Amino acid sequence: MKLILADSNEIIRIGLRTLLSTERNIQIVGEARNNEELIALNKAFDANIILVDYTARGFSIDVIPQILQKKPDLSVVAITPEQSAQTLVNALRSGV
């Protein structure tokens, strides 16, 4: 499985990379710090999954439908410290 990590916080990306790199079936093909980098990486690599904190600085929920429109079979998993019901609703409506 090819994965793109997307979070503006480098420490979070390092932690996720460290955790996920122990999995044999996961290959991290890129790391994005913002929407623009995520879109570029998504075009450059044939990733199966994106792990994104869409509430992080530099990201927005609008990037998810934009990416899924071009690659509808892509899986998007959202992580976020936000815990409101609206955040969950927004994620589900966007395609997470």
N, C-alpha and C. Protein backbone atom coordinates (compact mmCIF):
# COMPACT_ATOMS: atom_id res chain seq x y z
N MET A 1 0.84 -1.16 0.00
CA MET A 1 0.00 0.00 0.00
C MET A 1 0.89 1.24 0.00
N LYS A 2 0.59 2.16 -0.89
CA LYS A 2 1.34 3.42 -0.97
C LYS A 2 0.55 4.51 -0.26
N LEU A 3 1.25 5.24 0.63
CA LEU A 3 0.59 6.20 1.50
C LEU A 3 1.26 7.56 1.41
N ILE A 4 0.45 8.61 1.48
CA ILE A 4 0.94 9.99 1.58
C ILE A 4 0.54 10.52 2.96
N LEU A 5 1.52 11.03 3.70
CA LEU A 5 1.26 11.69 4.98
C LEU A 5 1.06 13.18 4.73
N ALA A 6 0.03 13.75 5.32
CA ALA A 6 -0.25 15.17 5.11
C ALA A 6 -0.58 15.84 6.44
N ASP A 7 0.37 16.62 6.94
CA ASP A 7 0.19 17.36 8.18
C ASP A 7 1.22 18.49 8.18
N SER A 8 0.83 19.66 8.63
CA SER A 8 1.75 20.80 8.65
C SER A 8 2.79 20.69 9.75
N ASN A 9 2.54 19.86 10.74
CA ASN A 9 3.44 19.72 11.88
C ASN A 9 4.48 18.63 11.59
N GLU A 10 5.74 19.03 11.50
CA GLU A 10 6.80 18.08 11.18
C GLU A 10 6.93 16.99 12.24
N ILE A 11 6.75 17.32 13.49
CA ILE A 11 6.87 16.32 14.55
C ILE A 11 5.79 15.24 14.40
N ILE A 12 4.59 15.65 14.05
CA ILE A 12 3.51 14.68 13.82
C ILE A 12 3.88 13.78 12.65
N ARG A 13 4.37 14.38 11.55
CA ARG A 13 4.76 13.57 10.38
C ARG A 13 5.88 12.59 10.74
N ILE A 14 6.86 13.04 11.51
CA ILE A 14 7.96 12.16 11.92
C ILE A 14 7.41 11.00 12.75
N GLY A 15 6.53 11.30 13.68
CA GLY A 15 5.94 10.26 14.52
C GLY A 15 5.14 9.25 13.71
N LEU A 16 4.32 9.76 12.80
CA LEU A 16 3.53 8.86 11.96
C LEU A 16 4.43 8.03 11.05
N ARG A 17 5.44 8.68 10.47
CA ARG A 17 6.38 7.96 9.60
C ARG A 17 7.08 6.85 10.37
N THR A 18 7.52 7.17 11.58
CA THR A 18 8.21 6.19 12.41
C THR A 18 7.28 5.02 12.74
N LEU A 19 6.07 5.33 13.13
CA LEU A 19 5.09 4.30 13.48
C LEU A 19 4.74 3.43 12.27
N LEU A 20 4.47 4.07 11.14
CA LEU A 20 4.01 3.33 9.96
C LEU A 20 5.13 2.63 9.21
N SER A 21 6.36 3.08 9.38
CA SER A 21 7.47 2.47 8.64
C SER A 21 7.77 1.05 9.11
N THR A 22 7.24 0.66 10.25
CA THR A 22 7.45 -0.70 10.74
C THR A 22 6.50 -1.69 10.07
N GLU A 23 5.51 -1.19 9.37
CA GLU A 23 4.56 -2.05 8.67
C GLU A 23 5.12 -2.44 7.31
N ARG A 24 5.22 -3.72 7.05
CA ARG A 24 5.80 -4.19 5.79
C ARG A 24 4.97 -3.83 4.57
N ASN A 25 3.65 -3.78 4.73
CA ASN A 25 2.80 -3.55 3.56
C ASN A 25 2.51 -2.07 3.32
N ILE A 26 3.16 -1.17 4.05
CA ILE A 26 2.96 0.27 3.85
C ILE A 26 4.25 0.90 3.36
N GLN A 27 4.13 1.61 2.24
CA GLN A 27 5.25 2.38 1.69
C GLN A 27 4.84 3.84 1.69
N ILE A 28 5.54 4.67 2.44
CA ILE A 28 5.25 6.11 2.46
C ILE A 28 5.94 6.73 1.25
N VAL A 29 5.12 7.23 0.32
CA VAL A 29 5.67 7.76 -0.94
C VAL A 29 5.83 9.28 -0.92
N GLY A 30 5.30 9.94 0.11
CA GLY A 30 5.47 11.38 0.19
C GLY A 30 4.88 11.95 1.46
N GLU A 31 5.32 13.18 1.76
CA GLU A 31 4.83 13.90 2.93
C GLU A 31 4.50 15.33 2.50
N ALA A 32 3.29 15.76 2.79
CA ALA A 32 2.83 17.10 2.41
C ALA A 32 2.69 17.98 3.63
N ARG A 33 3.09 19.25 3.48
CA ARG A 33 2.96 20.23 4.56
C ARG A 33 1.77 21.15 4.38
N ASN A 34 1.12 21.08 3.19
CA ASN A 34 -0.03 21.95 2.91
C ASN A 34 -0.82 21.38 1.73
N ASN A 35 -1.94 22.03 1.43
CA ASN A 35 -2.79 21.57 0.33
C ASN A 35 -2.05 21.45 -0.99
N GLU A 36 -1.24 22.44 -1.32
CA GLU A 36 -0.54 22.45 -2.61
C GLU A 36 0.41 21.26 -2.73
N GLU A 37 1.16 20.98 -1.68
CA GLU A 37 2.06 19.83 -1.71
C GLU A 37 1.28 18.52 -1.79
N LEU A 38 0.15 18.45 -1.10
CA LEU A 38 -0.67 17.25 -1.14
C LEU A 38 -1.20 17.00 -2.56
N ILE A 39 -1.68 18.02 -3.20
CA ILE A 39 -2.18 17.88 -4.57
C ILE A 39 -1.05 17.44 -5.51
N ALA A 40 0.12 18.04 -5.38
CA ALA A 40 1.26 17.69 -6.23
C ALA A 40 1.70 16.25 -6.00
N LEU A 41 1.80 15.83 -4.74
CA LEU A 41 2.20 14.46 -4.44
C LEU A 41 1.17 13.46 -4.94
N ASN A 42 -0.09 13.82 -4.81
CA ASN A 42 -1.15 12.94 -5.27
C ASN A 42 -1.07 12.74 -6.79
N LYS A 43 -0.70 13.77 -7.51
CA LYS A 43 -0.52 13.65 -8.96
C LYS A 43 0.73 12.85 -9.31
N ALA A 44 1.79 13.02 -8.53
CA ALA A 44 3.08 12.40 -8.85
C ALA A 44 3.14 10.92 -8.50
N PHE A 45 2.40 10.50 -7.48
CA PHE A 45 2.48 9.12 -7.01
C PHE A 45 1.11 8.46 -7.08
N ASP A 46 1.12 7.20 -7.33
CA ASP A 46 -0.13 6.43 -7.38
C ASP A 46 -0.43 5.88 -5.99
N ALA A 47 -0.73 6.77 -5.05
CA ALA A 47 -0.99 6.36 -3.68
C ALA A 47 -2.34 5.67 -3.56
N ASN A 48 -2.45 4.77 -2.60
CA ASN A 48 -3.71 4.10 -2.30
C ASN A 48 -4.47 4.80 -1.19
N ILE A 49 -3.70 5.51 -0.34
CA ILE A 49 -4.31 6.12 0.83
C ILE A 49 -3.59 7.42 1.19
N ILE A 50 -4.37 8.36 1.68
CA ILE A 50 -3.82 9.62 2.21
C ILE A 50 -4.23 9.71 3.67
N LEU A 51 -3.27 9.99 4.52
CA LEU A 51 -3.52 10.22 5.94
C LEU A 51 -3.31 11.71 6.17
N VAL A 52 -4.39 12.44 6.47
CA VAL A 52 -4.33 13.90 6.49
C VAL A 52 -4.99 14.48 7.74
N ASP A 53 -4.38 15.55 8.25
CA ASP A 53 -5.03 16.39 9.24
C ASP A 53 -5.51 17.63 8.48
N TYR A 54 -6.74 17.58 8.01
CA TYR A 54 -7.27 18.67 7.18
C TYR A 54 -7.57 19.92 8.00
N THR A 55 -7.47 19.84 9.33
CA THR A 55 -7.67 21.04 10.16
C THR A 55 -6.35 21.73 10.47
N ALA A 56 -5.23 21.14 10.04
CA ALA A 56 -3.91 21.72 10.30
C ALA A 56 -3.70 22.97 9.45
N ARG A 57 -2.82 23.84 9.92
CA ARG A 57 -2.47 25.05 9.18
C ARG A 57 -1.99 24.66 7.78
N GLY A 58 -2.51 25.31 6.76
CA GLY A 58 -2.11 25.03 5.39
C GLY A 58 -3.01 24.05 4.67
N PHE A 59 -3.95 23.43 5.41
CA PHE A 59 -4.88 22.47 4.81
C PHE A 59 -6.30 22.98 4.96
N SER A 60 -7.17 22.46 4.11
CA SER A 60 -8.60 22.74 4.25
C SER A 60 -9.38 21.50 3.84
N ILE A 61 -10.60 21.43 4.31
CA ILE A 61 -11.47 20.29 3.99
C ILE A 61 -11.75 20.21 2.49
N ASP A 62 -11.68 21.35 1.81
CA ASP A 62 -11.99 21.40 0.38
C ASP A 62 -11.02 20.61 -0.49
N VAL A 63 -9.83 20.33 0.01
CA VAL A 63 -8.84 19.60 -0.78
C VAL A 63 -9.27 18.14 -0.97
N ILE A 64 -10.01 17.59 -0.04
CA ILE A 64 -10.36 16.17 -0.11
C ILE A 64 -11.28 15.86 -1.30
N PRO A 65 -12.41 16.55 -1.47
CA PRO A 65 -13.24 16.27 -2.65
C PRO A 65 -12.49 16.55 -3.97
N GLN A 66 -11.64 17.55 -3.95
CA GLN A 66 -10.86 17.88 -5.15
C GLN A 66 -9.96 16.71 -5.54
N ILE A 67 -9.32 16.10 -4.57
CA ILE A 67 -8.45 14.95 -4.83
C ILE A 67 -9.26 13.73 -5.23
N LEU A 68 -10.37 13.48 -4.51
CA LEU A 68 -11.18 12.30 -4.80
C LEU A 68 -11.87 12.39 -6.16
N GLN A 69 -12.10 13.59 -6.64
CA GLN A 69 -12.70 13.75 -7.97
C GLN A 69 -11.78 13.17 -9.03
N LYS A 70 -10.48 13.33 -8.85
CA LYS A 70 -9.50 12.83 -9.83
C LYS A 70 -9.15 11.37 -9.59
N LYS A 71 -9.23 10.92 -8.33
CA LYS A 71 -8.91 9.53 -7.99
C LYS A 71 -9.98 8.99 -7.04
N PRO A 72 -11.14 8.61 -7.58
CA PRO A 72 -12.25 8.19 -6.71
C PRO A 72 -11.99 6.92 -5.90
N ASP A 73 -11.03 6.09 -6.30
CA ASP A 73 -10.72 4.86 -5.57
C ASP A 73 -9.74 5.07 -4.42
N LEU A 74 -9.24 6.27 -4.30
CA LEU A 74 -8.28 6.61 -3.24
C LEU A 74 -9.01 6.62 -1.89
N SER A 75 -8.36 6.10 -0.87
CA SER A 75 -8.91 6.16 0.49
C SER A 75 -8.27 7.34 1.22
N VAL A 76 -9.09 8.09 1.93
CA VAL A 76 -8.60 9.23 2.71
C VAL A 76 -8.98 9.00 4.16
N VAL A 77 -7.97 9.03 5.02
CA VAL A 77 -8.18 8.88 6.46
C VAL A 77 -7.78 10.21 7.09
N ALA A 78 -8.67 10.75 7.90
CA ALA A 78 -8.40 12.04 8.55
C ALA A 78 -8.02 11.82 10.01
N ILE A 79 -7.02 12.56 10.43
CA ILE A 79 -6.66 12.63 11.85
C ILE A 79 -6.73 14.11 12.22
N THR A 80 -7.20 14.39 13.40
CA THR A 80 -7.29 15.78 13.82
C THR A 80 -7.49 15.85 15.34
N PRO A 81 -6.97 16.90 15.96
CA PRO A 81 -7.24 17.08 17.38
C PRO A 81 -8.64 17.67 17.62
N GLU A 82 -9.27 18.16 16.57
CA GLU A 82 -10.62 18.73 16.68
C GLU A 82 -11.60 17.62 17.02
N GLN A 83 -12.49 17.86 17.97
CA GLN A 83 -13.41 16.81 18.41
C GLN A 83 -14.87 17.22 18.33
N SER A 84 -15.19 18.20 17.54
CA SER A 84 -16.59 18.63 17.46
C SER A 84 -17.37 17.73 16.50
N ALA A 85 -18.67 17.70 16.71
CA ALA A 85 -19.55 16.94 15.81
C ALA A 85 -19.48 17.51 14.40
N GLN A 86 -19.35 18.83 14.28
CA GLN A 86 -19.29 19.46 12.96
C GLN A 86 -18.03 19.03 12.20
N THR A 87 -16.93 18.87 12.89
CA THR A 87 -15.70 18.40 12.26
C THR A 87 -15.92 17.02 11.67
N LEU A 88 -16.58 16.15 12.41
CA LEU A 88 -16.88 14.80 11.93
C LEU A 88 -17.81 14.85 10.73
N VAL A 89 -18.85 15.64 10.81
CA VAL A 89 -19.80 15.77 9.69
C VAL A 89 -19.08 16.29 8.45
N ASN A 90 -18.25 17.31 8.61
CA ASN A 90 -17.51 17.85 7.47
C ASN A 90 -16.61 16.80 6.83
N ALA A 91 -15.96 16.00 7.67
CA ALA A 91 -15.07 14.95 7.15
C ALA A 91 -15.86 13.94 6.35
N LEU A 92 -16.96 13.48 6.89
CA LEU A 92 -17.76 12.47 6.19
C LEU A 92 -18.34 13.02 4.89
N ARG A 93 -18.80 14.25 4.91
CA ARG A 93 -19.36 14.86 3.68
C ARG A 93 -18.29 15.06 2.61
N SER A 94 -17.05 15.25 3.03
CA SER A 94 -15.98 15.50 2.06
C SER A 94 -15.47 14.23 1.39
N GLY A 95 -15.78 13.07 2.01
CA GLY A 95 -15.32 11.81 1.43
C GLY A 95 -14.33 11.06 2.27
N VAL A 96 -14.08 11.54 3.47
CA VAL A 96 -13.17 10.83 4.37
C VAL A 96 -13.83 9.53 4.80
